[in-house]
Amino acid sequence: MNHIQYLGKIYGCLEVIGIGPTNKHRKKLLLVKCLKHPNVKPYHVVKQSLVNGSSKSCPECIRESRQTHGKSKTRIYHIYKGILQRIKNSNHKNYKDYGGRGIDIDPKYDPNHNNQGITKAFLNFFNDIGDIEEPYTIDRIDNNKGYWKDNLRKSSFLEQARNKRNNVVTADIVKNMRNDYNNGLTQVQICQKYNLGSGAVSSIINKKCWKEVI
């Protein structure tokens, strides 16, 4: 059989660069190199294992994929996993407001980019962002842009709420709400008047947010 047709083909991270001999099991071998780790010496792989997908990465790729980052129980890791779900999982309840409307993610944070895996992708994210503790989370500066380093910042939940693209609260509304409260309206009545949740109203009238508005 002529195996020249496999030259130059790429399977996962492996590119076929030569035709090898037949092994003792009468299986044809192909010479491959790893595109992710050019320093790894080319080696032979059984043709069928490339074609069926059982061989698609070099030993160094496999070693990296088995590394752990030791942060699986940290806040920053759960935030990162949540970002991936909203961006890439079409079944996620919030997908329509993120991946569904074109919000993307920096390829270096994407586990599928160049088959780098979630460990390497998360470490790239962590190296850019660092650890996060309560009450802070990750916010996008421009909510119409994606999760890229220059568009990310650490923010409190209140700051994040104020930055939502459907936020209808303005400085004038804040003044009016506080005036209404000082003039005798209850928190429930203010919630109904401005169509806001009790948590947001409580934070505004108690000046836990919009502190700069007098």
C-alpha atoms as a PDB file:
ATOM      1  CA  MET A   1       0.000   0.000   0.000  1.00  0.00           C
ATOM      2  CA  ASN A   2       1.256   3.513  -0.844  1.00  0.00           C
ATOM      3  CA  HIS A   3       1.512   5.530   2.400  1.00  0.00           C
ATOM      4  CA  ILE A   4       2.772   8.756   0.821  1.00  0.00           C
ATOM      5  CA  GLN A   5      -0.779  10.131   1.158  1.00  0.00           C
ATOM      6  CA  TYR A   6      -0.219  10.483   4.927  1.00  0.00           C
ATOM      7  CA  LEU A   7       2.792  12.788   4.594  1.00  0.00           C
ATOM      8  CA  GLY A   8       2.007  16.249   5.961  1.00  0.00           C
ATOM      9  CA  LYS A   9      -1.237  15.197   7.597  1.00  0.00           C
ATOM     10  CA  ILE A  10      -1.825  16.338  11.161  1.00  0.00           C
ATOM     11  CA  TYR A  11      -3.451  14.223  13.852  1.00  0.00           C
ATOM     12  CA  GLY A  12      -3.987  16.192  17.029  1.00  0.00           C
ATOM     13  CA  CYS A  13      -0.541  17.668  17.748  1.00  0.00           C
ATOM     14  CA  LEU A  14       1.322  15.165  15.569  1.00  0.00           C
ATOM     15  CA  GLU A  15       2.388  15.797  11.982  1.00  0.00           C
ATOM     16  CA  VAL A  16       3.456  12.931   9.732  1.00  0.00           C
ATOM     17  CA  ILE A  17       6.896  13.683   8.318  1.00  0.00           C
ATOM     18  CA  GLY A  18       8.037  10.299   7.058  1.00  0.00           C
ATOM     19  CA  ILE A  19       7.179   6.690   6.229  1.00  0.00           C
ATOM     20  CA  GLY A  20       8.588   4.120   8.623  1.00  0.00           C
ATOM     21  CA  PRO A  21       8.996   0.347   8.483  1.00  0.00           C
ATOM     22  CA  THR A  22       6.511  -2.332   9.466  1.00  0.00           C
ATOM     23  CA  ASN A  23       6.804  -3.467  13.080  1.00  0.00           C
ATOM     24  CA  LYS A  24       6.925  -7.034  14.357  1.00  0.00           C
ATOM     25  CA  HIS A  25       3.133  -7.121  14.461  1.00  0.00           C
ATOM     26  CA  ARG A  26       3.030  -6.258  10.760  1.00  0.00           C
ATOM     27  CA  LYS A  27       1.690  -2.790  11.516  1.00  0.00           C
ATOM     28  CA  LYS A  28       2.864   0.097   9.362  1.00  0.00           C
ATOM     29  CA  LEU A  29       4.752   2.824  11.204  1.00  0.00           C
ATOM     30  CA  LEU A  30       4.742   6.517  10.350  1.00  0.00           C
ATOM     31  CA  LEU A  31       7.344   9.022  11.498  1.00  0.00           C
ATOM     32  CA  VAL A  32       5.792  11.970  13.337  1.00  0.00           C
ATOM     33  CA  LYS A  33       6.860  15.174  15.042  1.00  0.00           C
ATOM     34  CA  CYS A  34       4.995  17.108  17.733  1.00  0.00           C
ATOM     35  CA  LEU A  35       3.875  20.590  16.718  1.00  0.00           C
ATOM     36  CA  LYS A  36       3.569  21.705  20.337  1.00  0.00           C
ATOM     37  CA  HIS A  37       6.985  20.470  21.429  1.00  0.00           C
ATOM     38  CA  PRO A  38       9.469  20.862  18.563  1.00  0.00           C
ATOM     39  CA  ASN A  39      12.311  19.811  20.854  1.00  0.00           C
ATOM     40  CA  VAL A  40      10.863  16.309  21.152  1.00  0.00           C
ATOM     41  CA  LYS A  41      12.728  14.011  18.777  1.00  0.00           C
ATOM     42  CA  PRO A  42      10.542  12.610  15.930  1.00  0.00           C
ATOM     43  CA  TYR A  43       9.422   9.072  16.574  1.00  0.00           C
ATOM     44  CA  HIS A  44       7.427   6.261  14.972  1.00  0.00           C
ATOM     45  CA  VAL A  45       3.721   5.689  15.594  1.00  0.00           C
ATOM     46  CA  VAL A  46       1.489   2.913  14.279  1.00  0.00           C
ATOM     47  CA  LYS A  47      -0.480   4.308  11.354  1.00  0.00           C
ATOM     48  CA  GLN A  48      -3.809   2.926  12.575  1.00  0.00           C
ATOM     49  CA  SER A  49      -3.445   4.563  15.993  1.00  0.00           C
ATOM     50  CA  LEU A  50      -3.066   7.936  14.278  1.00  0.00           C
ATOM     51  CA  VAL A  51      -6.024   7.408  12.001  1.00  0.00           C
ATOM     52  CA  ASN A  52      -8.374   6.226  14.768  1.00  0.00           C
ATOM     53  CA  GLY A  53      -7.289   9.014  17.133  1.00  0.00           C
ATOM     54  CA  SER A  54      -5.737   6.899  19.880  1.00  0.00           C
ATOM     55  CA  SER A  55      -2.377   8.622  19.235  1.00  0.00           C
ATOM     56  CA  LYS A  56      -2.599  12.369  18.873  1.00  0.00           C
ATOM     57  CA  SER A  57       0.000  13.779  21.265  1.00  0.00           C
ATOM     58  CA  CYS A  58       3.623  13.171  22.196  1.00  0.00           C
ATOM     59  CA  PRO A  59       4.890  11.932  25.587  1.00  0.00           C
ATOM     60  CA  GLU A  60       5.598  15.529  26.645  1.00  0.00           C
ATOM     61  CA  CYS A  61       1.988  16.524  25.866  1.00  0.00           C
ATOM     62  CA  ILE A  62       0.757  13.601  27.930  1.00  0.00           C
ATOM     63  CA  ARG A  63       3.035  14.547  30.820  1.00  0.00           C
ATOM     64  CA  GLU A  64       1.726  18.127  30.791  1.00  0.00           C
ATOM     65  CA  SER A  65      -1.895  16.969  30.687  1.00  0.00           C
ATOM     66  CA  ARG A  66      -1.342  14.940  33.838  1.00  0.00           C
ATOM     67  CA  GLN A  67       0.092  17.867  35.754  1.00  0.00           C
ATOM     68  CA  THR A  68      -2.160  19.439  38.368  1.00  0.00           C
ATOM     69  CA  HIS A  69      -2.283  23.085  39.323  1.00  0.00           C
ATOM     70  CA  GLY A  70      -3.361  22.492  42.936  1.00  0.00           C
ATOM     71  CA  LYS A  71      -6.099  25.121  42.745  1.00  0.00           C
ATOM     72  CA  SER A  72      -9.177  23.050  41.942  1.00  0.00           C
ATOM     73  CA  LYS A  73     -10.858  24.126  45.207  1.00  0.00           C
ATOM     74  CA  THR A  74     -10.014  27.822  44.959  1.00  0.00           C
ATOM     75  CA  ARG A  75     -12.345  30.694  44.133  1.00  0.00           C
ATOM     76  CA  ILE A  76     -10.392  31.719  41.028  1.00  0.00           C
ATOM     77  CA  TYR A  77     -10.651  28.208  39.571  1.00  0.00           C
ATOM     78  CA  HIS A  78     -14.435  28.085  40.044  1.00  0.00           C
ATOM     79  CA  ILE A  79     -14.739  31.511  38.436  1.00  0.00           C
ATOM     80  CA  TYR A  80     -12.673  30.286  35.491  1.00  0.00           C
ATOM     81  CA  LYS A  81     -14.789  27.143  35.077  1.00  0.00           C
ATOM     82  CA  GLY A  82     -17.936  29.292  35.172  1.00  0.00           C
ATOM     83  CA  ILE A  83     -16.569  31.490  32.391  1.00  0.00           C
ATOM     84  CA  LEU A  84     -15.903  28.445  30.222  1.00  0.00           C
ATOM     85  CA  GLN A  85     -19.437  27.154  30.773  1.00  0.00           C
ATOM     86  CA  ARG A  86     -21.078  30.469  29.847  1.00  0.00           C
ATOM     87  CA  ILE A  87     -18.890  30.844  26.763  1.00  0.00           C
ATOM     88  CA  LYS A  88     -18.758  27.306  25.394  1.00  0.00           C
ATOM     89  CA  ASN A  89     -21.660  25.243  26.796  1.00  0.00           C
ATOM     90  CA  SER A  90     -24.777  25.933  24.734  1.00  0.00           C
ATOM     91  CA  ASN A  91     -26.864  24.144  27.385  1.00  0.00           C
ATOM     92  CA  HIS A  92     -25.814  26.521  30.150  1.00  0.00           C
ATOM     93  CA  LYS A  93     -28.642  28.738  31.411  1.00  0.00           C
ATOM     94  CA  ASN A  94     -26.642  31.926  30.711  1.00  0.00           C
ATOM     95  CA  TYR A  95     -25.113  30.873  27.392  1.00  0.00           C
ATOM     96  CA  LYS A  96     -27.454  33.125  25.392  1.00  0.00           C
ATOM     97  CA  ASP A  97     -26.022  36.205  27.121  1.00  0.00           C
ATOM     98  CA  TYR A  98     -22.412  35.156  26.603  1.00  0.00           C
ATOM     99  CA  GLY A  99     -21.286  32.641  23.968  1.00  0.00           C
ATOM    100  CA  GLY A 100     -24.680  32.913  22.307  1.00  0.00           C
ATOM    101  CA  ARG A 101     -24.190  36.597  21.554  1.00  0.00           C
ATOM    102  CA  GLY A 102     -20.579  36.317  20.449  1.00  0.00           C
ATOM    103  CA  ILE A 103     -18.674  36.873  23.700  1.00  0.00           C
ATOM    104  CA  ASP A 104     -15.388  35.032  23.222  1.00  0.00           C
ATOM    105  CA  ILE A 105     -12.334  34.083  25.254  1.00  0.00           C
ATOM    106  CA  ASP A 106      -8.622  34.567  24.677  1.00  0.00           C
ATOM    107  CA  PRO A 107      -7.368  31.374  22.954  1.00  0.00           C
ATOM    108  CA  LYS A 108      -4.674  30.949  25.611  1.00  0.00           C
ATOM    109  CA  TYR A 109      -7.485  30.523  28.185  1.00  0.00           C
ATOM    110  CA  ASP A 110      -9.279  27.951  26.007  1.00  0.00           C
ATOM    111  CA  PRO A 111      -8.522  24.287  26.844  1.00  0.00           C
ATOM    112  CA  ASN A 112      -9.285  23.282  23.244  1.00  0.00           C
ATOM    113  CA  HIS A 113      -6.810  25.701  21.684  1.00  0.00           C
ATOM    114  CA  ASN A 114      -3.966  23.620  20.225  1.00  0.00           C
ATOM    115  CA  ASN A 115      -5.163  20.791  22.496  1.00  0.00           C
ATOM    116  CA  GLN A 116      -3.429  22.486  25.423  1.00  0.00           C
ATOM    117  CA  GLY A 117      -5.852  21.079  27.998  1.00  0.00           C
ATOM    118  CA  ILE A 118      -7.563  22.727  30.951  1.00  0.00           C
ATOM    119  CA  THR A 119      -4.514  22.699  33.244  1.00  0.00           C
ATOM    120  CA  LYS A 120      -2.356  24.787  30.894  1.00  0.00           C
ATOM    121  CA  ALA A 121      -5.293  27.026  29.922  1.00  0.00           C
ATOM    122  CA  PHE A 122      -6.192  27.720  33.544  1.00  0.00           C
ATOM    123  CA  LEU A 123      -2.588  28.463  34.486  1.00  0.00           C
ATOM    124  CA  ASN A 124      -2.456  31.009  31.657  1.00  0.00           C
ATOM    125  CA  PHE A 125      -5.603  32.602  33.083  1.00  0.00           C
ATOM    126  CA  PHE A 126      -4.293  32.489  36.647  1.00  0.00           C
ATOM    127  CA  ASN A 127      -0.946  34.026  35.684  1.00  0.00           C
ATOM    128  CA  ASP A 128      -2.817  37.002  34.194  1.00  0.00           C
ATOM    129  CA  ILE A 129      -5.417  37.442  36.953  1.00  0.00           C
ATOM    130  CA  GLY A 130      -3.990  36.021  40.177  1.00  0.00           C
ATOM    131  CA  ASP A 131      -5.933  34.870  43.220  1.00  0.00           C
ATOM    132  CA  ILE A 132      -9.327  36.314  44.118  1.00  0.00           C
ATOM    133  CA  GLU A 133     -10.994  36.423  47.522  1.00  0.00           C
ATOM    134  CA  GLU A 134     -14.454  37.474  48.685  1.00  0.00           C
ATOM    135  CA  PRO A 135     -16.132  39.817  47.928  1.00  0.00           C
ATOM    136  CA  TYR A 136     -14.343  40.135  44.603  1.00  0.00           C
ATOM    137  CA  THR A 137     -14.982  38.403  41.316  1.00  0.00           C
ATOM    138  CA  ILE A 138     -14.017  38.877  37.645  1.00  0.00           C
ATOM    139  CA  ASP A 139     -15.717  41.595  35.631  1.00  0.00           C
ATOM    140  CA  ARG A 140     -15.398  42.607  31.984  1.00  0.00           C
ATOM    141  CA  ILE A 141     -14.703  46.307  31.534  1.00  0.00           C
ATOM    142  CA  ASP A 142     -16.642  46.365  28.261  1.00  0.00           C
ATOM    143  CA  ASN A 143     -19.564  43.948  28.434  1.00  0.00           C
ATOM    144  CA  ASN A 144     -19.730  43.720  24.658  1.00  0.00           C
ATOM    145  CA  LYS A 145     -16.196  42.326  24.504  1.00  0.00           C
ATOM    146  CA  GLY A 146     -14.817  38.981  25.589  1.00  0.00           C
ATOM    147  CA  TYR A 147     -12.615  37.516  28.289  1.00  0.00           C
ATOM    148  CA  TRP A 148      -9.252  38.928  27.261  1.00  0.00           C
ATOM    149  CA  LYS A 149      -6.614  40.188  29.677  1.00  0.00           C
ATOM    150  CA  ASP A 150      -7.020  43.861  28.772  1.00  0.00           C
ATOM    151  CA  ASN A 151     -10.806  43.634  29.250  1.00  0.00           C
ATOM    152  CA  LEU A 152     -10.745  41.914  32.655  1.00  0.00           C
ATOM    153  CA  ARG A 153     -10.626  43.382  36.133  1.00  0.00           C
ATOM    154  CA  LYS A 154     -11.294  42.382  39.713  1.00  0.00           C
ATOM    155  CA  SER A 155     -14.489  43.915  41.050  1.00  0.00           C
ATOM    156  CA  SER A 156     -16.978  43.522  43.881  1.00  0.00           C
ATOM    157  CA  PHE A 157     -20.443  42.088  43.272  1.00  0.00           C
ATOM    158  CA  LEU A 158     -21.942  45.562  43.594  1.00  0.00           C
ATOM    159  CA  GLU A 159     -19.528  47.004  41.028  1.00  0.00           C
ATOM    160  CA  GLN A 160     -20.283  44.102  38.725  1.00  0.00           C
ATOM    161  CA  ALA A 161     -24.025  44.646  39.086  1.00  0.00           C
ATOM    162  CA  ARG A 162     -23.597  48.282  38.119  1.00  0.00           C
ATOM    163  CA  ASN A 163     -21.687  47.256  35.011  1.00  0.00           C
ATOM    164  CA  LYS A 164     -24.354  44.932  33.588  1.00  0.00           C
ATOM    165  CA  ARG A 165     -25.478  45.891  30.096  1.00  0.00           C
ATOM    166  CA  ASN A 166     -29.165  45.845  31.164  1.00  0.00           C
ATOM    167  CA  ASN A 167     -28.543  48.029  34.217  1.00  0.00           C
ATOM    168  CA  VAL A 168     -31.159  50.801  34.368  1.00  0.00           C
ATOM    169  CA  VAL A 169     -29.867  52.490  37.532  1.00  0.00           C
ATOM    170  CA  THR A 170     -28.338  55.929  37.059  1.00  0.00           C
ATOM    171  CA  ALA A 171     -27.081  58.570  39.469  1.00  0.00           C
ATOM    172  CA  ASP A 172     -30.376  60.491  39.118  1.00  0.00           C
ATOM    173  CA  ILE A 173     -32.382  57.361  39.910  1.00  0.00           C
ATOM    174  CA  VAL A 174     -30.215  56.731  42.960  1.00  0.00           C
ATOM    175  CA  LYS A 175     -30.936  60.271  44.213  1.00  0.00           C
ATOM    176  CA  ASN A 176     -34.655  59.794  43.651  1.00  0.00           C
ATOM    177  CA  MET A 177     -34.686  56.457  45.467  1.00  0.00           C
ATOM    178  CA  ARG A 178     -32.949  57.920  48.492  1.00  0.00           C
ATOM    179  CA  ASN A 179     -35.282  60.896  48.507  1.00  0.00           C
ATOM    180  CA  ASP A 180     -38.280  58.566  48.331  1.00  0.00           C
ATOM    181  CA  TYR A 181     -36.930  56.568  51.262  1.00  0.00           C
ATOM    182  CA  ASN A 182     -36.265  59.712  53.323  1.00  0.00           C
ATOM    183  CA  ASN A 183     -39.799  60.911  52.533  1.00  0.00           C
ATOM    184  CA  GLY A 184     -41.392  57.781  53.938  1.00  0.00           C
ATOM    185  CA  LEU A 185     -41.591  55.193  51.138  1.00  0.00           C
ATOM    186  CA  THR A 186     -40.807  51.675  52.344  1.00  0.00           C
ATOM    187  CA  GLN A 187     -38.156  49.499  50.771  1.00  0.00           C
ATOM    188  CA  VAL A 188     -40.875  47.303  49.288  1.00  0.00           C
ATOM    189  CA  GLN A 189     -42.585  50.305  47.695  1.00  0.00           C
ATOM    190  CA  ILE A 190     -39.264  51.490  46.243  1.00  0.00           C
ATOM    191  CA  CYS A 191     -38.638  48.013  44.797  1.00  0.00           C
ATOM    192  CA  GLN A 192     -42.023  48.142  43.076  1.00  0.00           C
ATOM    193  CA  LYS A 193     -41.618  51.728  41.877  1.00  0.00           C
ATOM    194  CA  TYR A 194     -38.210  51.169  40.262  1.00  0.00           C
ATOM    195  CA  ASN A 195     -38.634  47.487  39.372  1.00  0.00           C
ATOM    196  CA  LEU A 196     -35.526  46.470  41.304  1.00  0.00           C
ATOM    197  CA  GLY A 197     -34.722  43.632  43.660  1.00  0.00           C
ATOM    198  CA  SER A 198     -34.636  44.130  47.413  1.00  0.00           C
ATOM    199  CA  GLY A 199     -30.877  43.517  47.599  1.00  0.00           C
ATOM    200  CA  ALA A 200     -30.088  46.270  45.088  1.00  0.00           C
ATOM    201  CA  VAL A 201     -32.504  48.711  46.743  1.00  0.00           C
ATOM    202  CA  SER A 202     -31.102  47.997  50.214  1.00  0.00           C
ATOM    203  CA  SER A 203     -27.547  48.579  48.994  1.00  0.00           C
ATOM    204  CA  ILE A 204     -28.517  51.881  47.379  1.00  0.00           C
ATOM    205  CA  ILE A 205     -30.577  53.405  50.199  1.00  0.00           C
ATOM    206  CA  ASN A 206     -28.015  52.300  52.798  1.00  0.00           C
ATOM    207  CA  LYS A 207     -25.216  53.735  50.654  1.00  0.00           C
ATOM    208  CA  LYS A 208     -23.297  50.505  50.294  1.00  0.00           C
ATOM    209  CA  CYS A 209     -22.932  51.349  46.621  1.00  0.00           C
ATOM    210  CA  TRP A 210     -23.154  54.602  44.633  1.00  0.00           C
ATOM    211  CA  LYS A 211     -21.370  56.192  47.583  1.00  0.00           C
ATOM    212  CA  GLU A 212     -20.244  59.082  45.410  1.00  0.00           C
ATOM    213  CA  VAL A 213     -23.855  60.155  44.780  1.00  0.00           C
ATOM    214  CA  ILE A 214     -25.032  62.655  47.380  1.00  0.00           C
END
